[in-house]
Amino acid sequence: QMLKRAGRWLTQQIGERVTPEIDKHNLKKWAQGAGGVFAGAALTKDTIIDRLLDAEVFFEENNVPETDRYVYMPSSTFKLVRLAGEFDGCDDARQKLILKGYKGDLNTLKIVTVPSRYLPANVNFIATYKGSVLAPHTLHTARILEVAQGYDGPVIEGHDIFDAFVIGKKCEGVYIDVLTGKKGTTPTATKSTSTTSIAAGSGETIKYTLDGSDPRYSKTAQVYSAAFSNPVKGTVIKAVAYDYANGVYNSDVMEHVAA
């Protein structure tokens, strides 16, 4: 009987603690690796549809496939979708925004609601193409030990190893809408007689590359700390700025050709 009760408790813990933790981690990592970042005022019922369609336009402009596009948003934001003036007089369209498994479609975007605490700070919604993100769960074990030294009853033990990534070559399949001022400042490069320096917003971390690769995903990316010797003429310097600790997400990527 104790084993049966322990099993029910384990199932409850997985549903209430483990799965939410994984979901929050995935959304955080996808937001930090987004290929498209838009910053604007807080969403309202008058702006929500326009902002969602901006995500769709971004996908279209970057040749992201039309299938398997998902938008993750809190229920409070979905409420704005339901109240949006674009649906006035279209009761059938409003009704179709309540479907089993997800909340509905807005053109090619499938809307999925999550608790507001699942989204990273200052993110209004995250739009992803399924083929642009990964969420490997490499270990998931759970067992009940009937006898464990030092305990007078069954002991529940579990292990989970998981992570999440944005595929660099397909990064345009991830788009986030953030609050005003929560997108990093696009870096600028300045050359002096013998060194090159890179600057961005106050407190922002700068990552850069000297081989023309995207600093958001490149293995050769370095964190900028001080001016470096001027590279060879024609060298392509790319840089991005962010401050994840304070909810500031990737800036546009600077591209500077050494003169």
C-alpha atoms as a PDB file:
ATOM      1  CA  GLN A   1       0.000   0.000   0.000  1.00  0.00           C
ATOM      2  CA  MET A   2       2.866   2.378   0.782  1.00  0.00           C
ATOM      3  CA  LEU A   3       4.425   1.635  -2.607  1.00  0.00           C
ATOM      4  CA  LYS A   4       1.153   2.489  -4.353  1.00  0.00           C
ATOM      5  CA  ARG A   5       0.904   5.783  -2.459  1.00  0.00           C
ATOM      6  CA  ALA A   6       4.541   6.571  -3.256  1.00  0.00           C
ATOM      7  CA  GLY A   7       3.870   5.942  -6.938  1.00  0.00           C
ATOM      8  CA  ARG A   8       0.952   8.364  -6.952  1.00  0.00           C
ATOM      9  CA  TRP A   9       3.080  10.956  -5.175  1.00  0.00           C
ATOM     10  CA  LEU A  10       5.866  10.499  -7.734  1.00  0.00           C
ATOM     11  CA  THR A  11       3.460  11.025 -10.621  1.00  0.00           C
ATOM     12  CA  GLN A  12       2.187  14.185  -8.939  1.00  0.00           C
ATOM     13  CA  GLN A  13       5.711  15.544  -8.428  1.00  0.00           C
ATOM     14  CA  ILE A  14       6.631  14.958 -12.061  1.00  0.00           C
ATOM     15  CA  GLY A  15       3.524  16.799 -13.215  1.00  0.00           C
ATOM     16  CA  GLU A  16       3.742  19.682 -10.752  1.00  0.00           C
ATOM     17  CA  ARG A  17       7.496  20.213 -10.416  1.00  0.00           C
ATOM     18  CA  VAL A  18       9.606  18.442 -13.046  1.00  0.00           C
ATOM     19  CA  THR A  19       7.614  19.135 -16.207  1.00  0.00           C
ATOM     20  CA  PRO A  20       7.031  22.849 -15.410  1.00  0.00           C
ATOM     21  CA  GLU A  21      10.745  23.285 -14.655  1.00  0.00           C
ATOM     22  CA  ILE A  22      11.653  21.776 -18.026  1.00  0.00           C
ATOM     23  CA  ASP A  23       9.094  23.929 -19.851  1.00  0.00           C
ATOM     24  CA  LYS A  24      10.386  27.119 -18.213  1.00  0.00           C
ATOM     25  CA  HIS A  25      13.980  26.198 -19.057  1.00  0.00           C
ATOM     26  CA  ASN A  26      13.097  25.513 -22.697  1.00  0.00           C
ATOM     27  CA  LEU A  27      11.280  28.819 -23.172  1.00  0.00           C
ATOM     28  CA  LYS A  28      14.104  30.731 -21.482  1.00  0.00           C
ATOM     29  CA  LYS A  29      16.795  29.210 -23.705  1.00  0.00           C
ATOM     30  CA  TRP A  30      14.733  29.721 -26.859  1.00  0.00           C
ATOM     31  CA  ALA A  31      14.156  33.374 -25.961  1.00  0.00           C
ATOM     32  CA  GLN A  32      17.872  33.921 -25.378  1.00  0.00           C
ATOM     33  CA  GLY A  33      18.692  32.347 -28.734  1.00  0.00           C
ATOM     34  CA  ALA A  34      15.950  34.024 -30.785  1.00  0.00           C
ATOM     35  CA  GLY A  35      16.920  35.086 -34.284  1.00  0.00           C
ATOM     36  CA  GLY A  36      14.340  37.851 -34.265  1.00  0.00           C
ATOM     37  CA  VAL A  37      13.700  40.249 -31.374  1.00  0.00           C
ATOM     38  CA  PHE A  38      11.089  43.019 -31.415  1.00  0.00           C
ATOM     39  CA  ALA A  39      10.708  45.524 -28.567  1.00  0.00           C
ATOM     40  CA  GLY A  40       7.522  47.507 -28.086  1.00  0.00           C
ATOM     41  CA  ALA A  41       4.994  48.852 -25.595  1.00  0.00           C
ATOM     42  CA  ALA A  42       2.905  46.539 -23.434  1.00  0.00           C
ATOM     43  CA  LEU A  43       0.361  44.611 -25.490  1.00  0.00           C
ATOM     44  CA  THR A  44      -3.282  45.650 -25.620  1.00  0.00           C
ATOM     45  CA  LYS A  45      -6.340  44.241 -27.350  1.00  0.00           C
ATOM     46  CA  ASP A  46      -5.805  46.897 -30.020  1.00  0.00           C
ATOM     47  CA  THR A  47      -2.197  45.879 -30.769  1.00  0.00           C
ATOM     48  CA  ILE A  48      -1.992  42.132 -30.082  1.00  0.00           C
ATOM     49  CA  ILE A  49      -3.059  40.930 -33.539  1.00  0.00           C
ATOM     50  CA  ASP A  50      -0.742  43.368 -35.302  1.00  0.00           C
ATOM     51  CA  ARG A  51       2.213  42.231 -33.179  1.00  0.00           C
ATOM     52  CA  LEU A  52       1.455  38.553 -33.748  1.00  0.00           C
ATOM     53  CA  LEU A  53       1.249  39.128 -37.474  1.00  0.00           C
ATOM     54  CA  ASP A  54       4.628  40.891 -37.300  1.00  0.00           C
ATOM     55  CA  ALA A  55       6.030  37.551 -36.152  1.00  0.00           C
ATOM     56  CA  GLU A  56       4.396  35.844 -39.110  1.00  0.00           C
ATOM     57  CA  VAL A  57       5.820  38.468 -41.481  1.00  0.00           C
ATOM     58  CA  PHE A  58       9.285  37.878 -39.981  1.00  0.00           C
ATOM     59  CA  PHE A  59       8.919  34.167 -40.652  1.00  0.00           C
ATOM     60  CA  GLU A  60       7.738  34.767 -44.214  1.00  0.00           C
ATOM     61  CA  GLU A  61      10.593  37.160 -44.988  1.00  0.00           C
ATOM     62  CA  ASN A  62      13.100  34.577 -43.751  1.00  0.00           C
ATOM     63  CA  ASN A  63      11.590  31.619 -45.630  1.00  0.00           C
ATOM     64  CA  VAL A  64      10.487  29.771 -42.507  1.00  0.00           C
ATOM     65  CA  PRO A  65       8.143  26.884 -43.468  1.00  0.00           C
ATOM     66  CA  GLU A  66       4.463  27.603 -42.891  1.00  0.00           C
ATOM     67  CA  THR A  67       3.833  24.405 -40.941  1.00  0.00           C
ATOM     68  CA  ASP A  68       4.604  23.780 -37.261  1.00  0.00           C
ATOM     69  CA  ARG A  69       4.718  27.432 -36.212  1.00  0.00           C
ATOM     70  CA  TYR A  70       3.819  27.837 -32.542  1.00  0.00           C
ATOM     71  CA  VAL A  71       3.310  30.911 -30.369  1.00  0.00           C
ATOM     72  CA  TYR A  72       3.677  30.557 -26.600  1.00  0.00           C
ATOM     73  CA  MET A  73       1.894  33.215 -24.572  1.00  0.00           C
ATOM     74  CA  PRO A  74       0.322  33.613 -21.115  1.00  0.00           C
ATOM     75  CA  SER A  75      -3.434  33.297 -20.755  1.00  0.00           C
ATOM     76  CA  SER A  76      -3.673  37.033 -20.033  1.00  0.00           C
ATOM     77  CA  THR A  77      -2.251  37.736 -23.490  1.00  0.00           C
ATOM     78  CA  PHE A  78      -4.560  35.210 -25.123  1.00  0.00           C
ATOM     79  CA  LYS A  79      -7.441  37.079 -23.489  1.00  0.00           C
ATOM     80  CA  LEU A  80      -6.372  40.129 -25.503  1.00  0.00           C
ATOM     81  CA  VAL A  81      -6.498  38.011 -28.658  1.00  0.00           C
ATOM     82  CA  ARG A  82     -10.058  36.965 -27.865  1.00  0.00           C
ATOM     83  CA  LEU A  83     -11.047  40.601 -27.248  1.00  0.00           C
ATOM     84  CA  ALA A  84      -9.251  42.033 -30.287  1.00  0.00           C
ATOM     85  CA  GLY A  85     -11.360  44.317 -32.438  1.00  0.00           C
ATOM     86  CA  GLU A  86     -10.333  42.443 -35.583  1.00  0.00           C
ATOM     87  CA  PHE A  87     -12.804  39.697 -34.583  1.00  0.00           C
ATOM     88  CA  ASP A  88     -15.793  41.970 -34.007  1.00  0.00           C
ATOM     89  CA  GLY A  89     -18.741  40.469 -35.837  1.00  0.00           C
ATOM     90  CA  CYS A  90     -16.840  37.228 -36.464  1.00  0.00           C
ATOM     91  CA  ASP A  91     -18.200  34.920 -33.774  1.00  0.00           C
ATOM     92  CA  ASP A  92     -17.177  31.857 -35.777  1.00  0.00           C
ATOM     93  CA  ALA A  93     -13.557  33.023 -35.870  1.00  0.00           C
ATOM     94  CA  ARG A  94     -13.596  33.626 -32.108  1.00  0.00           C
ATOM     95  CA  GLN A  95     -15.047  30.162 -31.544  1.00  0.00           C
ATOM     96  CA  LYS A  96     -12.254  28.558 -33.555  1.00  0.00           C
ATOM     97  CA  LEU A  97      -9.739  30.039 -31.123  1.00  0.00           C
ATOM     98  CA  ILE A  98     -10.738  27.352 -28.618  1.00  0.00           C
ATOM     99  CA  LEU A  99      -9.500  23.979 -29.856  1.00  0.00           C
ATOM    100  CA  LYS A 100      -8.316  20.798 -28.186  1.00  0.00           C
ATOM    101  CA  GLY A 101      -4.558  20.619 -27.539  1.00  0.00           C
ATOM    102  CA  TYR A 102      -3.894  24.274 -28.311  1.00  0.00           C
ATOM    103  CA  LYS A 103      -5.958  27.424 -28.282  1.00  0.00           C
ATOM    104  CA  GLY A 104      -6.315  27.989 -31.999  1.00  0.00           C
ATOM    105  CA  ASP A 105      -4.782  29.340 -35.181  1.00  0.00           C
ATOM    106  CA  LEU A 106      -4.032  32.854 -36.301  1.00  0.00           C
ATOM    107  CA  ASN A 107      -3.201  32.356 -39.959  1.00  0.00           C
ATOM    108  CA  THR A 108      -0.144  30.045 -39.821  1.00  0.00           C
ATOM    109  CA  LEU A 109       0.491  30.525 -36.099  1.00  0.00           C
ATOM    110  CA  LYS A 110      -0.709  27.928 -33.604  1.00  0.00           C
ATOM    111  CA  ILE A 111      -1.396  29.583 -30.249  1.00  0.00           C
ATOM    112  CA  VAL A 112      -0.408  27.745 -27.075  1.00  0.00           C
ATOM    113  CA  THR A 113      -1.026  29.254 -23.644  1.00  0.00           C
ATOM    114  CA  VAL A 114       1.295  28.755 -20.679  1.00  0.00           C
ATOM    115  CA  PRO A 115       1.310  30.200 -17.144  1.00  0.00           C
ATOM    116  CA  SER A 116       2.825  33.679 -17.158  1.00  0.00           C
ATOM    117  CA  ARG A 117       5.603  32.521 -14.818  1.00  0.00           C
ATOM    118  CA  TYR A 118       6.838  30.124 -17.520  1.00  0.00           C
ATOM    119  CA  LEU A 119       7.904  32.958 -19.828  1.00  0.00           C
ATOM    120  CA  PRO A 120      11.226  34.725 -19.183  1.00  0.00           C
ATOM    121  CA  ALA A 121      11.150  38.239 -17.745  1.00  0.00           C
ATOM    122  CA  ASN A 122       9.917  40.987 -20.094  1.00  0.00           C
ATOM    123  CA  VAL A 123       8.883  38.559 -22.874  1.00  0.00           C
ATOM    124  CA  ASN A 124       5.343  39.037 -24.203  1.00  0.00           C
ATOM    125  CA  PHE A 125       5.315  35.943 -26.392  1.00  0.00           C
ATOM    126  CA  ILE A 126       7.659  33.521 -28.132  1.00  0.00           C
ATOM    127  CA  ALA A 127       7.026  32.306 -31.679  1.00  0.00           C
ATOM    128  CA  THR A 128       8.917  29.256 -32.890  1.00  0.00           C
ATOM    129  CA  TYR A 129       9.174  26.985 -35.881  1.00  0.00           C
ATOM    130  CA  LYS A 130       9.448  23.391 -34.692  1.00  0.00           C
ATOM    131  CA  GLY A 131      12.510  22.711 -36.855  1.00  0.00           C
ATOM    132  CA  SER A 132      14.471  25.634 -35.371  1.00  0.00           C
ATOM    133  CA  VAL A 133      14.478  24.526 -31.735  1.00  0.00           C
ATOM    134  CA  LEU A 134      15.689  21.521 -29.811  1.00  0.00           C
ATOM    135  CA  ALA A 135      14.731  20.314 -26.343  1.00  0.00           C
ATOM    136  CA  PRO A 136      16.746  17.138 -25.679  1.00  0.00           C
ATOM    137  CA  HIS A 137      15.768  15.144 -22.612  1.00  0.00           C
ATOM    138  CA  THR A 138      18.680  12.741 -22.370  1.00  0.00           C
ATOM    139  CA  LEU A 139      17.840  11.101 -19.046  1.00  0.00           C
ATOM    140  CA  HIS A 140      14.530  10.572 -17.279  1.00  0.00           C
ATOM    141  CA  THR A 141      14.453   7.949 -14.568  1.00  0.00           C
ATOM    142  CA  ALA A 142      12.138   7.472 -11.619  1.00  0.00           C
ATOM    143  CA  ARG A 143      12.033   4.521  -9.252  1.00  0.00           C
ATOM    144  CA  ILE A 144      10.829   3.525  -5.831  1.00  0.00           C
ATOM    145  CA  LEU A 145      13.337   1.868  -3.514  1.00  0.00           C
ATOM    146  CA  GLU A 146      11.470  -0.503  -1.235  1.00  0.00           C
ATOM    147  CA  VAL A 147      14.381  -0.695   1.175  1.00  0.00           C
ATOM    148  CA  ALA A 148      16.873   2.137   1.725  1.00  0.00           C
ATOM    149  CA  GLN A 149      19.301   2.404   4.601  1.00  0.00           C
ATOM    150  CA  GLY A 150      18.295   5.054   7.123  1.00  0.00           C
ATOM    151  CA  TYR A 151      14.621   5.167   6.077  1.00  0.00           C
ATOM    152  CA  ASP A 152      11.616   3.276   7.461  1.00  0.00           C
ATOM    153  CA  GLY A 153       9.632   3.255   4.234  1.00  0.00           C
ATOM    154  CA  PRO A 154       9.922   3.371   0.447  1.00  0.00           C
ATOM    155  CA  VAL A 155      12.237   6.045  -0.957  1.00  0.00           C
ATOM    156  CA  ILE A 156      11.424   7.769  -4.236  1.00  0.00           C
ATOM    157  CA  GLU A 157      14.388   8.640  -6.446  1.00  0.00           C
ATOM    158  CA  GLY A 158      14.469  10.349  -9.836  1.00  0.00           C
ATOM    159  CA  HIS A 159      16.949  11.900 -12.223  1.00  0.00           C
ATOM    160  CA  ASP A 160      16.415  14.224 -15.201  1.00  0.00           C
ATOM    161  CA  ILE A 161      18.992  15.663 -17.583  1.00  0.00           C
ATOM    162  CA  PHE A 162      17.630  18.119 -20.134  1.00  0.00           C
ATOM    163  CA  ASP A 163      18.499  21.261 -22.063  1.00  0.00           C
ATOM    164  CA  ALA A 164      17.227  23.451 -24.885  1.00  0.00           C
ATOM    165  CA  PHE A 165      18.807  25.112 -27.926  1.00  0.00           C
ATOM    166  CA  VAL A 166      18.122  27.248 -30.964  1.00  0.00           C
ATOM    167  CA  ILE A 167      19.721  25.904 -34.134  1.00  0.00           C
ATOM    168  CA  GLY A 168      21.968  28.703 -35.367  1.00  0.00           C
ATOM    169  CA  LYS A 169      21.446  28.064 -39.078  1.00  0.00           C
ATOM    170  CA  LYS A 170      17.688  28.123 -38.554  1.00  0.00           C
ATOM    171  CA  CYS A 171      17.537  30.904 -35.960  1.00  0.00           C
ATOM    172  CA  GLU A 172      15.065  32.952 -38.006  1.00  0.00           C
ATOM    173  CA  GLY A 173      12.490  30.384 -36.918  1.00  0.00           C
ATOM    174  CA  VAL A 174      12.462  31.862 -33.403  1.00  0.00           C
ATOM    175  CA  TYR A 175      10.973  35.302 -32.745  1.00  0.00           C
ATOM    176  CA  ILE A 176      10.267  37.039 -29.448  1.00  0.00           C
ATOM    177  CA  ASP A 177       8.227  40.120 -28.599  1.00  0.00           C
ATOM    178  CA  VAL A 178       9.648  41.971 -25.583  1.00  0.00           C
ATOM    179  CA  LEU A 179       8.877  45.150 -23.690  1.00  0.00           C
ATOM    180  CA  THR A 180      10.317  48.512 -24.741  1.00  0.00           C
ATOM    181  CA  GLY A 181      13.951  48.872 -23.711  1.00  0.00           C
ATOM    182  CA  LYS A 182      14.468  45.134 -23.272  1.00  0.00           C
ATOM    183  CA  LYS A 183      16.280  44.558 -26.543  1.00  0.00           C
ATOM    184  CA  GLY A 184      20.051  44.988 -26.438  1.00  0.00           C
ATOM    185  CA  THR A 185      21.748  47.998 -28.009  1.00  0.00           C
ATOM    186  CA  THR A 186      23.311  47.175 -31.366  1.00  0.00           C
ATOM    187  CA  PRO A 187      27.097  47.312 -30.785  1.00  0.00           C
ATOM    188  CA  THR A 188      29.380  49.740 -32.597  1.00  0.00           C
ATOM    189  CA  ALA A 189      33.052  49.230 -33.443  1.00  0.00           C
ATOM    190  CA  THR A 190      35.651  51.988 -33.336  1.00  0.00           C
ATOM    191  CA  LYS A 191      39.176  51.734 -34.705  1.00  0.00           C
ATOM    192  CA  SER A 192      42.091  53.672 -33.266  1.00  0.00           C
ATOM    193  CA  THR A 193      45.732  53.697 -34.371  1.00  0.00           C
ATOM    194  CA  SER A 194      46.468  50.175 -33.151  1.00  0.00           C
ATOM    195  CA  THR A 195      43.297  48.775 -31.546  1.00  0.00           C
ATOM    196  CA  THR A 196      39.604  48.219 -32.184  1.00  0.00           C
ATOM    197  CA  SER A 197      37.001  48.685 -29.466  1.00  0.00           C
ATOM    198  CA  ILE A 198      33.340  47.644 -29.337  1.00  0.00           C
ATOM    199  CA  ALA A 199      30.653  49.430 -27.331  1.00  0.00           C
ATOM    200  CA  ALA A 200      26.980  48.741 -26.499  1.00  0.00           C
ATOM    201  CA  GLY A 201      24.505  49.727 -23.783  1.00  0.00           C
ATOM    202  CA  SER A 202      25.470  50.157 -20.138  1.00  0.00           C
ATOM    203  CA  GLY A 203      25.854  46.822 -18.363  1.00  0.00           C
ATOM    204  CA  GLU A 204      25.336  44.781 -21.506  1.00  0.00           C
ATOM    205  CA  THR A 205      27.545  41.818 -22.337  1.00  0.00           C
ATOM    206  CA  ILE A 206      29.078  41.857 -25.814  1.00  0.00           C
ATOM    207  CA  LYS A 207      29.982  38.712 -27.717  1.00  0.00           C
ATOM    208  CA  TYR A 208      31.936  39.022 -30.944  1.00  0.00           C
ATOM    209  CA  THR A 209      33.647  37.013 -33.671  1.00  0.00           C
ATOM    210  CA  LEU A 210      36.460  37.832 -36.082  1.00  0.00           C
ATOM    211  CA  ASP A 211      35.694  35.133 -38.645  1.00  0.00           C
ATOM    212  CA  GLY A 212      32.367  36.434 -39.914  1.00  0.00           C
ATOM    213  CA  SER A 213      30.305  33.854 -37.996  1.00  0.00           C
ATOM    214  CA  ASP A 214      27.206  34.777 -36.003  1.00  0.00           C
ATOM    215  CA  PRO A 215      28.293  35.544 -32.399  1.00  0.00           C
ATOM    216  CA  ARG A 216      24.951  34.355 -31.032  1.00  0.00           C
ATOM    217  CA  TYR A 217      25.689  30.746 -31.959  1.00  0.00           C
ATOM    218  CA  SER A 218      29.330  30.495 -33.041  1.00  0.00           C
ATOM    219  CA  LYS A 219      31.832  28.325 -31.188  1.00  0.00           C
ATOM    220  CA  THR A 220      34.474  30.962 -31.899  1.00  0.00           C
ATOM    221  CA  ALA A 221      32.524  33.778 -30.218  1.00  0.00           C
ATOM    222  CA  GLN A 222      34.356  35.638 -27.457  1.00  0.00           C
ATOM    223  CA  VAL A 223      33.056  37.836 -24.657  1.00  0.00           C
ATOM    224  CA  TYR A 224      34.398  41.353 -25.186  1.00  0.00           C
ATOM    225  CA  SER A 225      36.401  42.740 -22.285  1.00  0.00           C
ATOM    226  CA  ALA A 226      38.850  45.252 -23.754  1.00  0.00           C
ATOM    227  CA  ALA A 227      40.044  46.720 -27.039  1.00  0.00           C
ATOM    228  CA  PHE A 228      41.971  44.250 -29.184  1.00  0.00           C
ATOM    229  CA  SER A 229      44.683  44.683 -31.804  1.00  0.00           C
ATOM    230  CA  ASN A 230      43.367  45.845 -35.139  1.00  0.00           C
ATOM    231  CA  PRO A 231      42.592  42.804 -37.273  1.00  0.00           C
ATOM    232  CA  VAL A 232      43.763  42.416 -40.868  1.00  0.00           C
ATOM    233  CA  LYS A 233      42.035  44.684 -43.358  1.00  0.00           C
ATOM    234  CA  GLY A 234      38.876  43.054 -44.670  1.00  0.00           C
ATOM    235  CA  THR A 235      38.247  41.033 -41.504  1.00  0.00           C
ATOM    236  CA  VAL A 236      34.532  40.796 -40.775  1.00  0.00           C
ATOM    237  CA  ILE A 237      33.757  41.597 -37.129  1.00  0.00           C
ATOM    238  CA  LYS A 238      30.327  40.661 -35.858  1.00  0.00           C
ATOM    239  CA  ALA A 239      28.964  41.452 -32.404  1.00  0.00           C
ATOM    240  CA  VAL A 240      25.772  41.160 -30.359  1.00  0.00           C
ATOM    241  CA  ALA A 241      24.823  42.674 -26.990  1.00  0.00           C
ATOM    242  CA  TYR A 242      22.528  41.394 -24.231  1.00  0.00           C
ATOM    243  CA  ASP A 243      21.950  41.382 -20.481  1.00  0.00           C
ATOM    244  CA  TYR A 244      19.976  38.242 -19.735  1.00  0.00           C
ATOM    245  CA  ALA A 245      20.279  38.710 -15.984  1.00  0.00           C
ATOM    246  CA  ASN A 246      18.165  41.865 -16.276  1.00  0.00           C
ATOM    247  CA  GLY A 247      15.805  40.568 -18.949  1.00  0.00           C
ATOM    248  CA  VAL A 248      17.511  42.279 -21.913  1.00  0.00           C
ATOM    249  CA  TYR A 249      17.628  40.085 -25.013  1.00  0.00           C
ATOM    250  CA  ASN A 250      19.825  39.908 -28.093  1.00  0.00           C
ATOM    251  CA  SER A 251      20.448  43.092 -30.040  1.00  0.00           C
ATOM    252  CA  ASP A 252      20.653  43.151 -33.791  1.00  0.00           C
ATOM    253  CA  VAL A 253      23.979  41.745 -34.958  1.00  0.00           C
ATOM    254  CA  MET A 254      26.610  44.350 -35.774  1.00  0.00           C
ATOM    255  CA  GLU A 255      28.704  43.680 -38.876  1.00  0.00           C
ATOM    256  CA  HIS A 256      31.877  45.726 -39.271  1.00  0.00           C
ATOM    257  CA  VAL A 257      34.534  45.237 -41.927  1.00  0.00           C
ATOM    258  CA  ALA A 258      38.034  46.163 -40.730  1.00  0.00           C
ATOM    259  CA  ALA A 259      39.592  48.908 -42.820  1.00  0.00           C
END
